[in-house]
Amino acid sequence: MKHLKFILFSLILIFSITVLIKIFFIQIYTVETDSMYKTILSGNKLIISKISRFKNGDIILYKDEKHDQLNLCRLAAQYKDTVIISGQDVFVNNKKLIFKLQTKSYCIRFIKISEVDSLKMKYTLKELNNSGFYQAELTQYEYDEIMTDSVSDLKKKIFPIEKYTQRLFSVEQKINKIVMSKDSVFVLNDNRRDLNDSRTLGLINKKNIVGRVIYIY
């Protein structure tokens, strides 16, 4: 009888400790988006530490109150940091941030409308002043893929957009300077195309941070 009571007590104790750890110390989170691609992939499981201190560069989980959901982002700036957004570039303390999935603007010249239609679903295309030239936002991986494709003739029609910026169109760059407060942080996705971060959501209140990613599996 005493042995049975000891086993029961041990099981209750283990269960209680596990619940307490989950409530106050760690959380298991399953990734459902590609916001941190390729650092973290959809379907990955994460161990989130709820008691860690945060520093710039950490990957954090926070609650997006506007959409009532949990988001995964990289902490880019906090109190005393200066953030400047110039066009698609983000600078923290005057240092340009390099995204894990960096995109760059390229110019593509299409002859047939069907070429545009077939690529609209894959790339973000924007026609430049009805010129027949399209601006494409490509990652380095996508650009390399196009340039090494022996079948496609697209590589003959694509070039860095800077070479033709002045001649073909003018680029409007919106410049914002953000002053960080004590209670807020600035977060960014490694996947530059996913704008569901501080570039569109604004600053995130520290109280909404669930914790820091300490393990990915």
N, C-alpha and C. Protein backbone atom coordinates (compact mmCIF):
# COMPACT_ATOMS: atom_id res chain seq x y z
N MET A 1 0.83 -1.21 0.00
CA MET A 1 0.00 0.00 0.00
C MET A 1 0.87 1.27 0.00
N LYS A 2 1.93 1.24 0.86
CA LYS A 2 2.83 2.38 0.91
C LYS A 2 3.54 2.59 -0.42
N HIS A 3 3.88 1.45 -1.06
CA HIS A 3 4.55 1.53 -2.36
C HIS A 3 3.64 2.16 -3.41
N LEU A 4 2.37 1.83 -3.39
CA LEU A 4 1.39 2.38 -4.33
C LEU A 4 1.21 3.88 -4.10
N LYS A 5 1.16 4.28 -2.82
CA LYS A 5 1.03 5.70 -2.49
C LYS A 5 2.24 6.49 -2.97
N PHE A 6 3.42 5.88 -2.83
CA PHE A 6 4.66 6.55 -3.26
C PHE A 6 4.65 6.76 -4.77
N ILE A 7 4.23 5.73 -5.51
CA ILE A 7 4.15 5.84 -6.97
C ILE A 7 3.16 6.92 -7.37
N LEU A 8 1.99 6.92 -6.72
CA LEU A 8 0.96 7.91 -7.03
C LEU A 8 1.46 9.32 -6.73
N PHE A 9 2.11 9.48 -5.57
CA PHE A 9 2.66 10.78 -5.20
C PHE A 9 3.71 11.25 -6.20
N SER A 10 4.56 10.32 -6.64
CA SER A 10 5.62 10.64 -7.60
C SER A 10 5.03 11.10 -8.93
N LEU A 11 3.97 10.40 -9.38
CA LEU A 11 3.33 10.77 -10.64
C LEU A 11 2.69 12.15 -10.55
N ILE A 12 2.03 12.42 -9.44
CA ILE A 12 1.40 13.74 -9.23
C ILE A 12 2.46 14.83 -9.19
N LEU A 13 3.58 14.55 -8.52
CA LEU A 13 4.66 15.53 -8.42
C LEU A 13 5.27 15.82 -9.78
N ILE A 14 5.53 14.77 -10.55
CA ILE A 14 6.10 14.94 -11.90
C ILE A 14 5.15 15.73 -12.79
N PHE A 15 3.86 15.40 -12.71
CA PHE A 15 2.85 16.11 -13.51
C PHE A 15 2.80 17.59 -13.11
N SER A 16 2.83 17.85 -11.80
CA SER A 16 2.75 19.23 -11.31
C SER A 16 3.96 20.04 -11.75
N ILE A 17 5.14 19.43 -11.65
CA ILE A 17 6.37 20.12 -12.07
C ILE A 17 6.34 20.41 -13.56
N THR A 18 5.86 19.43 -14.34
CA THR A 18 5.77 19.61 -15.80
C THR A 18 4.84 20.76 -16.16
N VAL A 19 3.69 20.82 -15.48
CA VAL A 19 2.72 21.90 -15.73
C VAL A 19 3.31 23.25 -15.35
N LEU A 20 3.97 23.31 -14.21
CA LEU A 20 4.57 24.57 -13.75
C LEU A 20 5.66 25.05 -14.71
N ILE A 21 6.48 24.11 -15.18
CA ILE A 21 7.54 24.47 -16.14
C ILE A 21 6.93 25.03 -17.41
N LYS A 22 5.87 24.38 -17.89
CA LYS A 22 5.22 24.83 -19.13
C LYS A 22 4.57 26.20 -18.96
N ILE A 23 3.99 26.44 -17.78
CA ILE A 23 3.30 27.70 -17.55
C ILE A 23 4.28 28.86 -17.38
N PHE A 24 5.34 28.62 -16.60
CA PHE A 24 6.21 29.72 -16.19
C PHE A 24 7.57 29.76 -16.88
N PHE A 25 8.04 28.66 -17.45
CA PHE A 25 9.41 28.62 -17.92
C PHE A 25 9.56 28.37 -19.43
N ILE A 26 8.88 27.38 -19.98
CA ILE A 26 9.03 27.07 -21.40
C ILE A 26 7.69 26.83 -22.07
N GLN A 27 7.70 26.90 -23.39
CA GLN A 27 6.51 26.60 -24.19
C GLN A 27 6.94 25.91 -25.47
N ILE A 28 6.19 24.91 -25.88
CA ILE A 28 6.44 24.23 -27.15
C ILE A 28 5.55 24.89 -28.20
N TYR A 29 6.14 25.26 -29.31
CA TYR A 29 5.39 25.98 -30.36
C TYR A 29 5.66 25.33 -31.72
N THR A 30 4.61 25.07 -32.48
CA THR A 30 4.73 24.51 -33.82
C THR A 30 4.59 25.62 -34.85
N VAL A 31 5.56 25.75 -35.74
CA VAL A 31 5.58 26.83 -36.73
C VAL A 31 4.59 26.53 -37.85
N GLU A 32 3.79 27.55 -38.20
CA GLU A 32 2.77 27.37 -39.23
C GLU A 32 2.95 28.31 -40.42
N THR A 33 3.98 29.16 -40.38
CA THR A 33 4.21 30.11 -41.46
C THR A 33 5.66 30.04 -41.93
N ASP A 34 5.95 30.75 -43.02
CA ASP A 34 7.30 30.82 -43.55
C ASP A 34 7.95 32.17 -43.27
N SER A 35 7.51 32.84 -42.22
CA SER A 35 8.03 34.18 -41.92
C SER A 35 9.52 34.17 -41.61
N MET A 36 10.04 33.04 -41.11
CA MET A 36 11.46 32.96 -40.75
C MET A 36 12.22 32.02 -41.68
N TYR A 37 11.66 31.73 -42.86
CA TYR A 37 12.32 30.89 -43.87
C TYR A 37 13.63 31.58 -44.30
N LYS A 38 14.77 30.91 -44.41
CA LYS A 38 15.01 29.49 -44.26
C LYS A 38 15.56 29.14 -42.90
N THR A 39 15.64 30.10 -41.99
CA THR A 39 16.15 29.83 -40.65
C THR A 39 15.28 28.81 -39.94
N ILE A 40 13.96 29.04 -40.00
CA ILE A 40 12.98 28.14 -39.39
C ILE A 40 11.91 27.85 -40.44
N LEU A 41 11.55 26.60 -40.59
CA LEU A 41 10.61 26.19 -41.62
C LEU A 41 9.24 25.89 -41.02
N SER A 42 8.21 26.03 -41.85
CA SER A 42 6.87 25.67 -41.43
C SER A 42 6.85 24.18 -41.08
N GLY A 43 6.29 23.87 -39.91
CA GLY A 43 6.27 22.49 -39.44
C GLY A 43 7.30 22.21 -38.37
N ASN A 44 8.33 23.07 -38.28
CA ASN A 44 9.32 22.91 -37.21
C ASN A 44 8.66 23.12 -35.84
N LYS A 45 9.20 22.45 -34.85
CA LYS A 45 8.76 22.67 -33.47
C LYS A 45 9.84 23.44 -32.74
N LEU A 46 9.42 24.32 -31.85
CA LEU A 46 10.36 25.19 -31.14
C LEU A 46 10.16 25.07 -29.65
N ILE A 47 11.25 25.20 -28.92
CA ILE A 47 11.17 25.35 -27.47
C ILE A 47 11.40 26.83 -27.17
N ILE A 48 10.41 27.43 -26.54
CA ILE A 48 10.45 28.86 -26.23
C ILE A 48 10.75 29.05 -24.74
N SER A 49 11.79 29.80 -24.44
CA SER A 49 12.11 30.12 -23.05
C SER A 49 11.37 31.40 -22.66
N LYS A 50 10.60 31.31 -21.58
CA LYS A 50 9.82 32.46 -21.13
C LYS A 50 10.56 33.34 -20.14
N ILE A 51 11.74 32.91 -19.72
CA ILE A 51 12.46 33.66 -18.68
C ILE A 51 13.76 34.28 -19.20
N SER A 52 14.04 34.11 -20.49
CA SER A 52 15.29 34.63 -21.05
C SER A 52 15.24 36.14 -21.21
N ARG A 53 16.41 36.75 -21.08
CA ARG A 53 16.54 38.15 -21.47
C ARG A 53 16.76 38.21 -22.97
N PHE A 54 16.35 39.33 -23.57
CA PHE A 54 16.41 39.44 -25.02
C PHE A 54 17.53 40.36 -25.47
N LYS A 55 18.11 40.03 -26.60
CA LYS A 55 19.10 40.91 -27.23
C LYS A 55 18.81 40.95 -28.71
N ASN A 56 19.29 41.98 -29.38
CA ASN A 56 19.08 42.10 -30.82
C ASN A 56 19.64 40.87 -31.53
N GLY A 57 18.85 40.35 -32.47
CA GLY A 57 19.25 39.17 -33.20
C GLY A 57 18.54 37.91 -32.72
N ASP A 58 17.96 37.95 -31.51
CA ASP A 58 17.22 36.80 -31.00
C ASP A 58 15.94 36.60 -31.80
N ILE A 59 15.51 35.34 -31.91
CA ILE A 59 14.22 35.03 -32.52
C ILE A 59 13.21 34.92 -31.39
N ILE A 60 12.14 35.67 -31.47
CA ILE A 60 11.17 35.71 -30.38
C ILE A 60 9.78 35.34 -30.89
N LEU A 61 8.96 34.88 -29.95
CA LEU A 61 7.54 34.62 -30.20
C LEU A 61 6.76 35.68 -29.45
N TYR A 62 5.84 36.34 -30.14
CA TYR A 62 5.06 37.39 -29.48
C TYR A 62 3.61 37.33 -29.96
N LYS A 63 2.75 37.96 -29.19
CA LYS A 63 1.34 37.99 -29.55
C LYS A 63 1.02 39.25 -30.34
N ASP A 64 0.47 39.04 -31.53
CA ASP A 64 0.01 40.14 -32.38
C ASP A 64 -1.43 40.44 -31.98
N GLU A 65 -1.61 41.50 -31.20
CA GLU A 65 -2.94 41.83 -30.69
C GLU A 65 -3.91 42.22 -31.80
N LYS A 66 -3.38 42.84 -32.84
CA LYS A 66 -4.24 43.30 -33.94
C LYS A 66 -4.94 42.13 -34.62
N HIS A 67 -4.20 41.03 -34.84
CA HIS A 67 -4.77 39.87 -35.52
C HIS A 67 -5.05 38.70 -34.58
N ASP A 68 -4.82 38.92 -33.27
CA ASP A 68 -5.06 37.91 -32.25
C ASP A 68 -4.39 36.57 -32.62
N GLN A 69 -3.08 36.64 -32.83
CA GLN A 69 -2.34 35.44 -33.17
C GLN A 69 -0.90 35.56 -32.68
N LEU A 70 -0.20 34.42 -32.66
CA LEU A 70 1.20 34.42 -32.28
C LEU A 70 2.07 34.54 -33.52
N ASN A 71 3.08 35.39 -33.46
CA ASN A 71 4.01 35.59 -34.57
C ASN A 71 5.43 35.25 -34.14
N LEU A 72 6.20 34.81 -35.11
CA LEU A 72 7.61 34.50 -34.88
C LEU A 72 8.44 35.49 -35.66
N CYS A 73 9.33 36.21 -34.99
CA CYS A 73 10.13 37.24 -35.65
C CYS A 73 11.52 37.33 -35.02
N ARG A 74 12.39 38.07 -35.70
CA ARG A 74 13.71 38.34 -35.15
C ARG A 74 13.70 39.72 -34.51
N LEU A 75 14.21 39.80 -33.29
CA LEU A 75 14.30 41.08 -32.60
C LEU A 75 15.40 41.92 -33.24
N ALA A 76 15.01 43.06 -33.81
CA ALA A 76 15.96 43.88 -34.55
C ALA A 76 16.43 45.10 -33.77
N ALA A 77 15.56 45.63 -32.93
CA ALA A 77 15.92 46.85 -32.20
C ALA A 77 15.07 46.99 -30.95
N GLN A 78 15.65 47.61 -29.93
CA GLN A 78 14.91 47.90 -28.70
C GLN A 78 15.35 49.25 -28.15
N TYR A 79 15.07 49.51 -26.88
CA TYR A 79 15.29 50.83 -26.29
C TYR A 79 16.71 51.35 -26.54
N LYS A 80 16.80 52.61 -26.93
CA LYS A 80 18.03 53.34 -27.23
C LYS A 80 18.56 53.08 -28.64
N ASP A 81 17.94 52.13 -29.37
CA ASP A 81 18.33 51.92 -30.76
C ASP A 81 17.59 52.90 -31.67
N THR A 82 18.20 53.21 -32.80
CA THR A 82 17.58 54.06 -33.82
C THR A 82 17.29 53.23 -35.05
N VAL A 83 16.06 53.28 -35.53
CA VAL A 83 15.65 52.52 -36.71
C VAL A 83 15.27 53.48 -37.82
N ILE A 84 15.84 53.25 -39.00
CA ILE A 84 15.50 54.05 -40.18
C ILE A 84 15.08 53.09 -41.30
N ILE A 85 13.92 53.35 -41.90
CA ILE A 85 13.45 52.58 -43.04
C ILE A 85 13.53 53.47 -44.27
N SER A 86 14.32 53.05 -45.24
CA SER A 86 14.48 53.79 -46.48
C SER A 86 14.16 52.86 -47.64
N GLY A 87 12.95 53.04 -48.20
CA GLY A 87 12.53 52.12 -49.25
C GLY A 87 12.36 50.72 -48.67
N GLN A 88 13.12 49.77 -49.20
CA GLN A 88 13.06 48.41 -48.69
C GLN A 88 14.19 48.10 -47.72
N ASP A 89 15.06 49.06 -47.48
CA ASP A 89 16.20 48.85 -46.60
C ASP A 89 15.88 49.28 -45.18
N VAL A 90 16.38 48.50 -44.22
CA VAL A 90 16.18 48.80 -42.81
C VAL A 90 17.56 48.98 -42.16
N PHE A 91 17.73 50.09 -41.46
CA PHE A 91 18.99 50.39 -40.78
C PHE A 91 18.74 50.48 -39.28
N VAL A 92 19.57 49.81 -38.49
CA VAL A 92 19.52 49.92 -37.04
C VAL A 92 20.84 50.50 -36.58
N ASN A 93 20.77 51.66 -35.92
CA ASN A 93 21.97 52.38 -35.49
C ASN A 93 22.92 52.61 -36.68
N ASN A 94 22.29 53.00 -37.81
CA ASN A 94 23.00 53.33 -39.06
C ASN A 94 23.67 52.13 -39.73
N LYS A 95 23.34 50.93 -39.29
CA LYS A 95 23.90 49.73 -39.92
C LYS A 95 22.78 48.99 -40.65
N LYS A 96 22.99 48.73 -41.94
CA LYS A 96 21.97 48.07 -42.74
C LYS A 96 21.82 46.61 -42.33
N LEU A 97 20.56 46.20 -42.14
CA LEU A 97 20.29 44.82 -41.78
C LEU A 97 20.21 43.96 -43.03
N ILE A 98 20.84 42.80 -42.98
CA ILE A 98 20.78 41.85 -44.09
C ILE A 98 19.83 40.74 -43.70
N PHE A 99 18.78 40.57 -44.47
CA PHE A 99 17.79 39.55 -44.19
C PHE A 99 18.30 38.19 -44.65
N LYS A 100 17.87 37.14 -43.95
CA LYS A 100 18.25 35.79 -44.34
C LYS A 100 17.72 35.47 -45.73
N LEU A 101 16.53 35.94 -46.03
CA LEU A 101 15.97 35.74 -47.37
C LEU A 101 15.89 37.11 -48.02
N GLN A 102 17.05 37.63 -48.41
CA GLN A 102 17.16 38.98 -48.95
C GLN A 102 16.59 39.05 -50.36
N THR A 103 15.80 40.08 -50.63
CA THR A 103 15.31 40.28 -51.98
C THR A 103 16.00 41.50 -52.59
N LYS A 104 16.05 41.52 -53.91
CA LYS A 104 16.65 42.63 -54.63
C LYS A 104 15.79 42.92 -55.84
N SER A 105 15.71 44.18 -56.23
CA SER A 105 14.91 44.56 -57.39
C SER A 105 15.67 44.30 -58.68
N TYR A 106 15.00 43.62 -59.60
CA TYR A 106 15.54 43.39 -60.92
C TYR A 106 14.53 43.88 -61.95
N CYS A 107 15.03 44.16 -63.13
CA CYS A 107 14.17 44.60 -64.21
C CYS A 107 14.10 43.48 -65.25
N ILE A 108 12.88 43.19 -65.70
CA ILE A 108 12.67 42.14 -66.71
C ILE A 108 11.93 42.74 -67.89
N ARG A 109 12.42 42.44 -69.09
CA ARG A 109 11.74 42.90 -70.31
C ARG A 109 10.98 41.72 -70.92
N PHE A 110 9.67 41.86 -71.03
CA PHE A 110 8.85 40.80 -71.61
C PHE A 110 8.35 41.21 -72.99
N ILE A 111 8.32 40.23 -73.86
CA ILE A 111 7.79 40.46 -75.20
C ILE A 111 6.34 40.02 -75.28
N LYS A 112 6.05 38.87 -74.69
CA LYS A 112 4.70 38.32 -74.75
C LYS A 112 4.00 38.47 -73.41
N ILE A 113 2.69 38.79 -73.48
CA ILE A 113 1.90 38.91 -72.27
C ILE A 113 1.85 37.59 -71.53
N SER A 114 1.86 36.49 -72.27
CA SER A 114 1.78 35.17 -71.65
C SER A 114 2.97 34.92 -70.73
N GLU A 115 4.12 35.52 -71.04
CA GLU A 115 5.29 35.37 -70.19
C GLU A 115 5.04 36.00 -68.83
N VAL A 116 4.39 37.16 -68.85
CA VAL A 116 4.09 37.86 -67.61
C VAL A 116 3.09 37.05 -66.78
N ASP A 117 2.03 36.59 -67.44
CA ASP A 117 0.99 35.84 -66.74
C ASP A 117 1.53 34.59 -66.09
N SER A 118 2.45 33.92 -66.75
CA SER A 118 2.97 32.66 -66.22
C SER A 118 3.87 32.87 -65.01
N LEU A 119 4.39 34.08 -64.85
CA LEU A 119 5.31 34.34 -63.75
C LEU A 119 4.70 35.18 -62.62
N LYS A 120 3.48 35.69 -62.86
CA LYS A 120 2.85 36.53 -61.84
C LYS A 120 2.64 35.79 -60.53
N MET A 121 2.33 34.51 -60.63
CA MET A 121 2.07 33.72 -59.43
C MET A 121 3.35 33.42 -58.67
N LYS A 122 4.47 33.40 -59.36
CA LYS A 122 5.74 33.03 -58.72
C LYS A 122 6.50 34.23 -58.19
N TYR A 123 6.47 35.33 -58.94
CA TYR A 123 7.23 36.51 -58.53
C TYR A 123 6.30 37.71 -58.41
N THR A 124 6.73 38.69 -57.65
CA THR A 124 5.99 39.94 -57.53
C THR A 124 6.41 40.86 -58.67
N LEU A 125 5.53 41.10 -59.61
CA LEU A 125 5.86 41.89 -60.80
C LEU A 125 5.08 43.19 -60.81
N LYS A 126 5.76 44.26 -61.19
CA LYS A 126 5.11 45.56 -61.29
C LYS A 126 5.60 46.25 -62.55
N GLU A 127 4.66 46.57 -63.46
CA GLU A 127 5.06 47.22 -64.72
C GLU A 127 5.50 48.65 -64.45
N LEU A 128 6.53 49.05 -65.16
CA LEU A 128 7.12 50.37 -64.96
C LEU A 128 6.69 51.33 -66.06
N ASN A 129 5.74 52.18 -65.71
CA ASN A 129 5.29 53.24 -66.63
C ASN A 129 4.88 52.73 -68.01
N ASN A 130 4.19 51.59 -68.04
CA ASN A 130 3.71 51.02 -69.32
C ASN A 130 4.82 50.87 -70.35
N SER A 131 6.02 50.55 -69.87
CA SER A 131 7.18 50.50 -70.75
C SER A 131 7.46 49.12 -71.31
N GLY A 132 6.74 48.10 -70.78
CA GLY A 132 7.06 46.74 -71.18
C GLY A 132 8.12 46.14 -70.27
N PHE A 133 8.66 46.97 -69.39
CA PHE A 133 9.61 46.49 -68.39
C PHE A 133 8.86 46.27 -67.08
N TYR A 134 9.24 45.22 -66.39
CA TYR A 134 8.60 44.90 -65.12
C TYR A 134 9.63 44.82 -64.00
N GLN A 135 9.25 45.34 -62.86
CA GLN A 135 10.10 45.22 -61.69
C GLN A 135 9.77 43.92 -60.99
N ALA A 136 10.79 43.14 -60.68
CA ALA A 136 10.61 41.85 -60.01
C ALA A 136 11.41 41.83 -58.71
N GLU A 137 10.76 41.40 -57.65
CA GLU A 137 11.44 41.25 -56.36
C GLU A 137 11.88 39.80 -56.24
N LEU A 138 13.16 39.55 -56.35
CA LEU A 138 13.70 38.19 -56.34
C LEU A 138 14.68 38.01 -55.18
N THR A 139 14.68 36.83 -54.60
CA THR A 139 15.73 36.50 -53.64
C THR A 139 16.97 36.12 -54.44
N GLN A 140 18.10 36.09 -53.76
CA GLN A 140 19.34 35.70 -54.43
C GLN A 140 19.24 34.28 -54.97
N TYR A 141 18.55 33.42 -54.21
CA TYR A 141 18.36 32.03 -54.65
C TYR A 141 17.55 31.97 -55.94
N GLU A 142 16.47 32.76 -56.00
CA GLU A 142 15.63 32.76 -57.20
C GLU A 142 16.39 33.31 -58.40
N TYR A 143 17.17 34.36 -58.17
CA TYR A 143 17.95 34.95 -59.26
C TYR A 143 18.97 33.95 -59.78
N ASP A 144 19.69 33.29 -58.87
CA ASP A 144 20.68 32.29 -59.29
C ASP A 144 20.02 31.14 -60.04
N GLU A 145 18.81 30.78 -59.59
CA GLU A 145 18.08 29.70 -60.24
C GLU A 145 17.75 30.05 -61.69
N ILE A 146 17.34 31.30 -61.90
CA ILE A 146 17.02 31.76 -63.26
C ILE A 146 18.27 31.78 -64.14
N MET A 147 19.35 32.30 -63.58
CA MET A 147 20.57 32.48 -64.35
C MET A 147 21.28 31.17 -64.68
N THR A 148 20.97 30.11 -63.96
CA THR A 148 21.61 28.81 -64.23
C THR A 148 20.67 27.85 -64.96
N ASP A 149 19.46 28.32 -65.27
CA ASP A 149 18.50 27.48 -65.98
C ASP A 149 18.84 27.48 -67.46
N SER A 150 19.27 26.35 -67.96
CA SER A 150 19.68 26.27 -69.37
C SER A 150 18.51 26.24 -70.33
N VAL A 151 17.32 25.95 -69.80
CA VAL A 151 16.13 25.86 -70.65
C VAL A 151 15.48 27.22 -70.87
N SER A 152 15.32 27.97 -69.78
CA SER A 152 14.63 29.24 -69.84
C SER A 152 15.48 30.32 -70.51
N ASP A 153 14.83 31.18 -71.32
CA ASP A 153 15.54 32.31 -71.93
C ASP A 153 15.33 33.59 -71.12
N LEU A 154 14.74 33.43 -69.91
CA LEU A 154 14.46 34.59 -69.07
C LEU A 154 15.75 35.29 -68.65
N LYS A 155 16.83 34.53 -68.50
CA LYS A 155 18.09 35.13 -68.05
C LYS A 155 18.64 36.15 -69.04
N LYS A 156 18.18 36.08 -70.30
CA LYS A 156 18.62 37.05 -71.30
C LYS A 156 17.88 38.38 -71.16
N LYS A 157 16.80 38.37 -70.35
CA LYS A 157 15.94 39.55 -70.27
C LYS A 157 15.93 40.20 -68.89
N ILE A 158 16.77 39.71 -68.00
CA ILE A 158 16.76 40.22 -66.64
C ILE A 158 18.07 40.92 -66.31
N PHE A 159 17.98 42.02 -65.59
CA PHE A 159 19.19 42.77 -65.24
C PHE A 159 18.91 43.58 -63.97
N PRO A 160 19.96 43.93 -63.21
CA PRO A 160 19.76 44.74 -62.00
C PRO A 160 19.05 46.04 -62.32
N ILE A 161 18.10 46.38 -61.49
CA ILE A 161 17.24 47.51 -61.78
C ILE A 161 17.98 48.85 -61.69
N GLU A 162 19.06 48.88 -60.92
CA GLU A 162 19.78 50.15 -60.72
C GLU A 162 20.33 50.72 -62.03
N LYS A 163 20.67 49.85 -62.96
CA LYS A 163 21.25 50.30 -64.23
C LYS A 163 20.26 51.13 -65.04
N TYR A 164 18.96 50.91 -64.82
CA TYR A 164 17.96 51.56 -65.65
C TYR A 164 17.03 52.45 -64.83
N THR A 165 17.36 52.68 -63.58
CA THR A 165 16.47 53.46 -62.70
C THR A 165 16.20 54.85 -63.25
N GLN A 166 17.23 55.57 -63.63
CA GLN A 166 17.06 56.95 -64.06
C GLN A 166 16.41 57.04 -65.44
N ARG A 167 16.71 56.08 -66.30
CA ARG A 167 16.23 56.16 -67.68
C ARG A 167 14.77 55.72 -67.82
N LEU A 168 14.36 54.73 -67.02
CA LEU A 168 13.05 54.14 -67.24
C LEU A 168 11.97 54.65 -66.27
N PHE A 169 12.35 54.86 -65.04
CA PHE A 169 11.33 55.23 -64.06
C PHE A 169 12.00 55.82 -62.83
N SER A 170 11.20 56.44 -62.00
CA SER A 170 11.74 56.99 -60.75
C SER A 170 11.27 56.14 -59.59
N VAL A 171 12.14 55.88 -58.66
CA VAL A 171 11.81 55.06 -57.50
C VAL A 171 11.45 55.98 -56.34
N GLU A 172 10.26 55.80 -55.80
CA GLU A 172 9.84 56.58 -54.65
C GLU A 172 10.26 55.84 -53.39
N GLN A 173 11.08 56.46 -52.58
CA GLN A 173 11.52 55.84 -51.35
C GLN A 173 10.97 56.59 -50.15
N LYS A 174 10.24 55.87 -49.34
CA LYS A 174 9.67 56.46 -48.14
C LYS A 174 10.66 56.27 -46.99
N ILE A 175 11.06 57.36 -46.38
CA ILE A 175 12.06 57.30 -45.31
C ILE A 175 11.40 57.62 -43.97
N ASN A 176 11.46 56.68 -43.07
CA ASN A 176 10.90 56.87 -41.73
C ASN A 176 11.99 56.67 -40.69
N LYS A 177 12.03 57.56 -39.72
CA LYS A 177 12.95 57.38 -38.60
C LYS A 177 12.12 57.04 -37.37
N ILE A 178 12.45 55.94 -36.73
CA ILE A 178 11.68 55.46 -35.60
C ILE A 178 12.49 55.57 -34.32
N VAL A 179 11.91 56.21 -33.32
CA VAL A 179 12.56 56.34 -32.03
C VAL A 179 11.97 55.28 -31.10
N MET A 180 12.84 54.43 -30.57
CA MET A 180 12.39 53.33 -29.73
C MET A 180 12.08 53.81 -28.31
N SER A 181 10.98 53.32 -27.77
CA SER A 181 10.64 53.63 -26.38
C SER A 181 11.08 52.47 -25.48
N LYS A 182 10.99 52.67 -24.18
CA LYS A 182 11.42 51.64 -23.23
C LYS A 182 10.55 50.39 -23.31
N ASP A 183 9.31 50.57 -23.68
CA ASP A 183 8.36 49.46 -23.64
C ASP A 183 8.13 48.79 -24.99
N SER A 184 8.90 49.16 -26.00
CA SER A 184 8.64 48.61 -27.33
C SER A 184 9.88 48.02 -27.97
N VAL A 185 9.65 47.13 -28.94
CA VAL A 185 10.74 46.54 -29.72
C VAL A 185 10.35 46.57 -31.20
N PHE A 186 11.36 46.50 -32.05
CA PHE A 186 11.17 46.48 -33.49
C PHE A 186 11.56 45.08 -33.98
N VAL A 187 10.64 44.40 -34.67
CA VAL A 187 10.89 43.02 -35.10
C VAL A 187 10.82 42.90 -36.62
N LEU A 188 11.57 41.96 -37.16
CA LEU A 188 11.62 41.74 -38.60
C LEU A 188 11.62 40.24 -38.91
N ASN A 189 11.01 39.89 -40.02
CA ASN A 189 11.04 38.52 -40.50
C ASN A 189 12.32 38.26 -41.28
N ASP A 190 12.89 37.06 -41.15
CA ASP A 190 14.02 36.69 -41.99
C ASP A 190 13.59 36.61 -43.45
N ASN A 191 12.34 36.21 -43.67
CA ASN A 191 11.77 36.17 -45.01
C ASN A 191 11.31 37.58 -45.36
N ARG A 192 12.10 38.28 -46.15
CA ARG A 192 11.84 39.69 -46.45
C ARG A 192 10.46 39.91 -47.07
N ARG A 193 9.97 38.91 -47.81
CA ARG A 193 8.68 39.07 -48.49
C ARG A 193 7.50 39.07 -47.54
N ASP A 194 7.67 38.47 -46.39
CA ASP A 194 6.59 38.44 -45.41
C ASP A 194 6.64 39.74 -44.62
N LEU A 195 5.70 40.62 -44.90
CA LEU A 195 5.69 41.96 -44.30
C LEU A 195 4.98 42.01 -42.96
N ASN A 196 4.60 40.85 -42.44
CA ASN A 196 3.88 40.82 -41.17
C ASN A 196 4.85 40.98 -40.01
N ASP A 197 5.49 42.15 -39.97
CA ASP A 197 6.42 42.48 -38.89
C ASP A 197 6.33 43.98 -38.63
N SER A 198 7.32 44.56 -38.01
CA SER A 198 7.23 45.97 -37.62
C SER A 198 7.19 46.93 -38.80
N ARG A 199 7.53 46.45 -40.00
CA ARG A 199 7.43 47.32 -41.17
C ARG A 199 5.99 47.70 -41.46
N THR A 200 5.05 46.82 -41.10
CA THR A 200 3.63 47.11 -41.31
C THR A 200 2.85 47.16 -40.00
N LEU A 201 3.28 46.39 -39.00
CA LEU A 201 2.55 46.34 -37.73
C LEU A 201 2.97 47.44 -36.77
N GLY A 202 4.15 48.02 -37.03
CA GLY A 202 4.67 49.02 -36.10
C GLY A 202 5.41 48.36 -34.95
N LEU A 203 5.70 49.14 -33.93
CA LEU A 203 6.45 48.63 -32.79
C LEU A 203 5.61 47.64 -31.98
N ILE A 204 6.29 46.66 -31.39
CA ILE A 204 5.63 45.63 -30.59
C ILE A 204 5.87 45.92 -29.11
N ASN A 205 4.80 45.90 -28.34
CA ASN A 205 4.93 46.13 -26.91
C ASN A 205 5.64 44.94 -26.25
N LYS A 206 6.58 45.22 -25.38
CA LYS A 206 7.35 44.16 -24.71
C LYS A 206 6.47 43.19 -23.94
N LYS A 207 5.35 43.67 -23.44
CA LYS A 207 4.48 42.81 -22.63
C LYS A 207 3.88 41.68 -23.48
N ASN A 208 3.90 41.85 -24.81
CA ASN A 208 3.34 40.84 -25.70
C ASN A 208 4.35 39.77 -26.11
N ILE A 209 5.59 39.90 -25.67
CA ILE A 209 6.59 38.89 -26.00
C ILE A 209 6.39 37.66 -25.12
N VAL A 210 6.20 36.51 -25.76
CA VAL A 210 6.01 35.25 -25.03
C VAL A 210 7.35 34.72 -24.54
N GLY A 211 8.35 34.77 -25.43
CA GLY A 211 9.66 34.27 -25.05
C GLY A 211 10.61 34.19 -26.22
N ARG A 212 11.79 33.62 -25.96
CA ARG A 212 12.85 33.51 -26.95
C ARG A 212 13.03 32.06 -27.39
N VAL A 213 13.28 31.87 -28.69
CA VAL A 213 13.52 30.53 -29.21
C VAL A 213 14.89 30.05 -28.74
N ILE A 214 14.90 28.89 -28.07
CA ILE A 214 16.17 28.34 -27.59
C ILE A 214 16.52 27.02 -28.26
N TYR A 215 15.52 26.42 -28.95
CA TYR A 215 15.82 25.14 -29.61
C TYR A 215 14.81 24.93 -30.74
N ILE A 216 15.33 24.41 -31.87
CA ILE A 216 14.51 24.13 -33.05
C ILE A 216 14.64 22.64 -33.37
N TYR A 217 13.51 21.97 -33.60
CA TYR A 217 13.59 20.56 -33.97
C TYR A 217 12.44 20.17 -34.89
